[in-house]
Amino acid sequence: MKLPLTKTQRKSISKAAGAGISAMRARAGMTQEDVAEALGIGVEAVSRLERGVVDPGVPRLVELAELFECGVAELLMGASPRAVDQVGLIAQDIANLPAKEREAIAVIVKHIAALLRAKRQRQRQRQAGRD
């Protein structure tokens, strides 16, 4: 990611952070009303955070992490382009599945990754043939 961030990149990060907030709220079994009451803000403010309309800011992220009993990083993982963070999101999604289902998902992901690598290699070969 090139610095400084563009307005579009900032908006994308706010949306991803909002999605993380929404997911963690759901995982905690809370409603937007519950969150609003706990933070002393309106339900619409919670909705704007979850939709990525507003940037939550570090202090609010710390409050939300405390409320949802998670780490601040967990709220932001979806905003990261890093592979390790994206893998972490997948791990969270499948953590409570039975081992056989997790193994099936791993096989599917490996297959898709191989297909995408092969596609990228074909594109590079075509590009090299044009040069």
C-alpha atoms as a PDB file:
ATOM      1  CA  MET A   1       0.000   0.000   0.000  1.00  0.00           C
ATOM      2  CA  LYS A   2       1.399   3.338  -1.047  1.00  0.00           C
ATOM      3  CA  LEU A   3       1.563   6.175   1.467  1.00  0.00           C
ATOM      4  CA  PRO A   4      -0.074   8.558   2.085  1.00  0.00           C
ATOM      5  CA  LEU A   5      -3.416   6.830   1.794  1.00  0.00           C
ATOM      6  CA  THR A   6      -5.864   8.103  -0.775  1.00  0.00           C
ATOM      7  CA  LYS A   7      -9.396   9.078   0.146  1.00  0.00           C
ATOM      8  CA  THR A   8     -10.623   5.873  -1.509  1.00  0.00           C
ATOM      9  CA  GLN A   9      -8.174   3.766   0.516  1.00  0.00           C
ATOM     10  CA  ARG A  10      -9.248   5.476   3.737  1.00  0.00           C
ATOM     11  CA  LYS A  11     -12.909   4.812   2.925  1.00  0.00           C
ATOM     12  CA  SER A  12     -12.122   1.170   2.155  1.00  0.00           C
ATOM     13  CA  ILE A  13     -10.286   0.788   5.481  1.00  0.00           C
ATOM     14  CA  SER A  14     -13.189   2.372   7.393  1.00  0.00           C
ATOM     15  CA  LYS A  15     -15.636  -0.024   5.692  1.00  0.00           C
ATOM     16  CA  ALA A  16     -13.462  -3.037   6.520  1.00  0.00           C
ATOM     17  CA  ALA A  17     -13.072  -1.873  10.125  1.00  0.00           C
ATOM     18  CA  GLY A  18     -16.841  -1.419  10.310  1.00  0.00           C
ATOM     19  CA  ALA A  19     -17.353  -4.948   9.034  1.00  0.00           C
ATOM     20  CA  GLY A  20     -14.960  -6.188  11.726  1.00  0.00           C
ATOM     21  CA  ILE A  21     -16.859  -4.292  14.396  1.00  0.00           C
ATOM     22  CA  SER A  22     -20.152  -5.713  13.146  1.00  0.00           C
ATOM     23  CA  ALA A  23     -18.777  -9.266  13.047  1.00  0.00           C
ATOM     24  CA  MET A  24     -17.337  -9.057  16.551  1.00  0.00           C
ATOM     25  CA  ARG A  25     -20.571  -7.558  17.875  1.00  0.00           C
ATOM     26  CA  ALA A  26     -22.496 -10.479  16.402  1.00  0.00           C
ATOM     27  CA  ARG A  27     -19.947 -12.954  17.770  1.00  0.00           C
ATOM     28  CA  ALA A  28     -20.420 -11.380  21.209  1.00  0.00           C
ATOM     29  CA  GLY A  29     -24.186 -11.884  20.855  1.00  0.00           C
ATOM     30  CA  MET A  30     -24.892  -8.180  21.142  1.00  0.00           C
ATOM     31  CA  THR A  31     -27.289  -5.898  19.289  1.00  0.00           C
ATOM     32  CA  GLN A  32     -26.475  -2.419  18.073  1.00  0.00           C
ATOM     33  CA  GLU A  33     -28.686  -1.194  20.894  1.00  0.00           C
ATOM     34  CA  ASP A  34     -26.549  -3.090  23.431  1.00  0.00           C
ATOM     35  CA  VAL A  35     -23.394  -1.503  22.053  1.00  0.00           C
ATOM     36  CA  ALA A  36     -24.940   1.968  21.960  1.00  0.00           C
ATOM     37  CA  GLU A  37     -26.004   1.680  25.585  1.00  0.00           C
ATOM     38  CA  ALA A  38     -22.627   0.365  26.741  1.00  0.00           C
ATOM     39  CA  LEU A  39     -20.750   3.168  24.972  1.00  0.00           C
ATOM     40  CA  GLY A  40     -23.222   5.919  25.769  1.00  0.00           C
ATOM     41  CA  ILE A  41     -23.866   6.733  22.120  1.00  0.00           C
ATOM     42  CA  GLY A  42     -26.871   6.479  19.837  1.00  0.00           C
ATOM     43  CA  VAL A  43     -27.829   3.416  17.812  1.00  0.00           C
ATOM     44  CA  GLU A  44     -27.349   5.442  14.617  1.00  0.00           C
ATOM     45  CA  ALA A  45     -23.745   6.167  15.682  1.00  0.00           C
ATOM     46  CA  VAL A  46     -23.138   2.421  16.050  1.00  0.00           C
ATOM     47  CA  SER A  47     -24.714   1.851  12.648  1.00  0.00           C
ATOM     48  CA  ARG A  48     -22.443   4.489  11.060  1.00  0.00           C
ATOM     49  CA  LEU A  49     -19.397   2.805  12.622  1.00  0.00           C
ATOM     50  CA  GLU A  50     -20.424  -0.605  11.311  1.00  0.00           C
ATOM     51  CA  ARG A  51     -21.156   0.740   7.817  1.00  0.00           C
ATOM     52  CA  GLY A  52     -17.773   2.466   7.719  1.00  0.00           C
ATOM     53  CA  VAL A  53     -19.349   5.883   7.309  1.00  0.00           C
ATOM     54  CA  VAL A  54     -17.202   7.213  10.144  1.00  0.00           C
ATOM     55  CA  ASP A  55     -13.695   6.295  11.225  1.00  0.00           C
ATOM     56  CA  PRO A  56     -13.922   4.807  14.726  1.00  0.00           C
ATOM     57  CA  GLY A  57     -10.610   6.214  15.979  1.00  0.00           C
ATOM     58  CA  VAL A  58      -8.226   4.429  18.315  1.00  0.00           C
ATOM     59  CA  PRO A  59      -9.989   5.238  21.630  1.00  0.00           C
ATOM     60  CA  ARG A  60     -13.316   3.913  20.304  1.00  0.00           C
ATOM     61  CA  LEU A  61     -11.607   0.783  18.940  1.00  0.00           C
ATOM     62  CA  VAL A  62     -10.135   0.130  22.391  1.00  0.00           C
ATOM     63  CA  GLU A  63     -13.600   0.513  23.959  1.00  0.00           C
ATOM     64  CA  LEU A  64     -15.139  -1.837  21.402  1.00  0.00           C
ATOM     65  CA  ALA A  65     -12.400  -4.433  21.881  1.00  0.00           C
ATOM     66  CA  GLU A  66     -12.991  -4.330  25.636  1.00  0.00           C
ATOM     67  CA  LEU A  67     -16.734  -4.629  25.139  1.00  0.00           C
ATOM     68  CA  PHE A  68     -16.431  -7.574  22.724  1.00  0.00           C
ATOM     69  CA  GLU A  69     -13.588  -9.173  24.720  1.00  0.00           C
ATOM     70  CA  CYS A  70     -11.253  -9.276  21.746  1.00  0.00           C
ATOM     71  CA  GLY A  71      -8.104  -7.552  20.610  1.00  0.00           C
ATOM     72  CA  VAL A  72      -8.110  -4.280  18.700  1.00  0.00           C
ATOM     73  CA  ALA A  73      -6.236  -6.091  15.922  1.00  0.00           C
ATOM     74  CA  GLU A  74      -9.154  -8.507  15.520  1.00  0.00           C
ATOM     75  CA  LEU A  75     -11.432  -5.571  14.776  1.00  0.00           C
ATOM     76  CA  LEU A  76      -9.076  -4.358  12.053  1.00  0.00           C
ATOM     77  CA  MET A  77      -7.909  -7.572  10.385  1.00  0.00           C
ATOM     78  CA  GLY A  78     -10.343  -7.214   7.500  1.00  0.00           C
ATOM     79  CA  ALA A  79      -8.788  -3.853   6.625  1.00  0.00           C
ATOM     80  CA  SER A  80      -5.334  -5.362   6.199  1.00  0.00           C
ATOM     81  CA  PRO A  81      -3.974  -6.429   2.800  1.00  0.00           C
ATOM     82  CA  ARG A  82      -1.447  -8.700   4.554  1.00  0.00           C
ATOM     83  CA  ALA A  83      -1.850 -12.403   3.868  1.00  0.00           C
ATOM     84  CA  VAL A  84      -1.238 -13.332   7.510  1.00  0.00           C
ATOM     85  CA  ASP A  85      -4.164 -11.138   8.609  1.00  0.00           C
ATOM     86  CA  GLN A  86      -6.441 -12.522   5.911  1.00  0.00           C
ATOM     87  CA  VAL A  87      -5.544 -16.044   6.997  1.00  0.00           C
ATOM     88  CA  GLY A  88      -6.367 -15.021  10.562  1.00  0.00           C
ATOM     89  CA  LEU A  89      -9.855 -13.990   9.457  1.00  0.00           C
ATOM     90  CA  ILE A  90     -10.398 -17.344   7.785  1.00  0.00           C
ATOM     91  CA  ALA A  91      -9.123 -19.098  10.916  1.00  0.00           C
ATOM     92  CA  GLN A  92     -11.668 -17.189  13.016  1.00  0.00           C
ATOM     93  CA  ASP A  93     -14.452 -18.132  10.629  1.00  0.00           C
ATOM     94  CA  ILE A  94     -13.704 -21.845  10.723  1.00  0.00           C
ATOM     95  CA  ALA A  95     -12.461 -22.220  14.307  1.00  0.00           C
ATOM     96  CA  ASN A  96     -15.699 -23.671  15.661  1.00  0.00           C
ATOM     97  CA  LEU A  97     -16.264 -26.137  12.835  1.00  0.00           C
ATOM     98  CA  PRO A  98     -15.549 -29.845  13.235  1.00  0.00           C
ATOM     99  CA  ALA A  99     -12.063 -30.966  12.146  1.00  0.00           C
ATOM    100  CA  LYS A 100     -13.331 -32.746   9.006  1.00  0.00           C
ATOM    101  CA  GLU A 101     -15.085 -29.593   7.805  1.00  0.00           C
ATOM    102  CA  ARG A 102     -11.991 -27.466   8.481  1.00  0.00           C
ATOM    103  CA  GLU A 103      -9.910 -29.967   6.510  1.00  0.00           C
ATOM    104  CA  ALA A 104     -12.380 -29.787   3.601  1.00  0.00           C
ATOM    105  CA  ILE A 105     -12.162 -25.995   3.597  1.00  0.00           C
ATOM    106  CA  ALA A 106      -8.344 -26.198   3.581  1.00  0.00           C
ATOM    107  CA  VAL A 107      -8.447 -28.480   0.534  1.00  0.00           C
ATOM    108  CA  ILE A 108     -10.808 -26.103  -1.269  1.00  0.00           C
ATOM    109  CA  VAL A 109      -8.641 -23.072  -0.480  1.00  0.00           C
ATOM    110  CA  LYS A 110      -5.498 -24.879  -1.693  1.00  0.00           C
ATOM    111  CA  HIS A 111      -7.275 -25.821  -4.920  1.00  0.00           C
ATOM    112  CA  ILE A 112      -8.481 -22.270  -5.557  1.00  0.00           C
ATOM    113  CA  ALA A 113      -5.013 -20.860  -4.801  1.00  0.00           C
ATOM    114  CA  ALA A 114      -3.440 -23.304  -7.297  1.00  0.00           C
ATOM    115  CA  LEU A 115      -5.960 -22.298  -9.966  1.00  0.00           C
ATOM    116  CA  LEU A 116      -5.259 -18.608  -9.405  1.00  0.00           C
ATOM    117  CA  ARG A 117      -1.479 -19.124  -9.491  1.00  0.00           C
ATOM    118  CA  ALA A 118      -1.814 -21.025 -12.787  1.00  0.00           C
ATOM    119  CA  LYS A 119      -4.018 -18.261 -14.215  1.00  0.00           C
ATOM    120  CA  ARG A 120      -1.491 -15.598 -13.184  1.00  0.00           C
ATOM    121  CA  GLN A 121       1.341 -17.621 -14.736  1.00  0.00           C
ATOM    122  CA  ARG A 122      -0.567 -17.929 -18.040  1.00  0.00           C
ATOM    123  CA  GLN A 123      -1.162 -14.166 -18.030  1.00  0.00           C
ATOM    124  CA  ARG A 124       2.543 -13.488 -17.473  1.00  0.00           C
ATOM    125  CA  GLN A 125       3.467 -15.880 -20.288  1.00  0.00           C
ATOM    126  CA  ARG A 126       1.028 -14.151 -22.654  1.00  0.00           C
ATOM    127  CA  GLN A 127       2.428 -10.768 -21.628  1.00  0.00           C
ATOM    128  CA  ALA A 128       6.004 -11.956 -22.156  1.00  0.00           C
ATOM    129  CA  GLY A 129       5.029 -13.228 -25.628  1.00  0.00           C
ATOM    130  CA  ARG A 130       3.789  -9.734 -26.571  1.00  0.00           C
ATOM    131  CA  ASP A 131       6.977  -7.977 -25.428  1.00  0.00           C
END
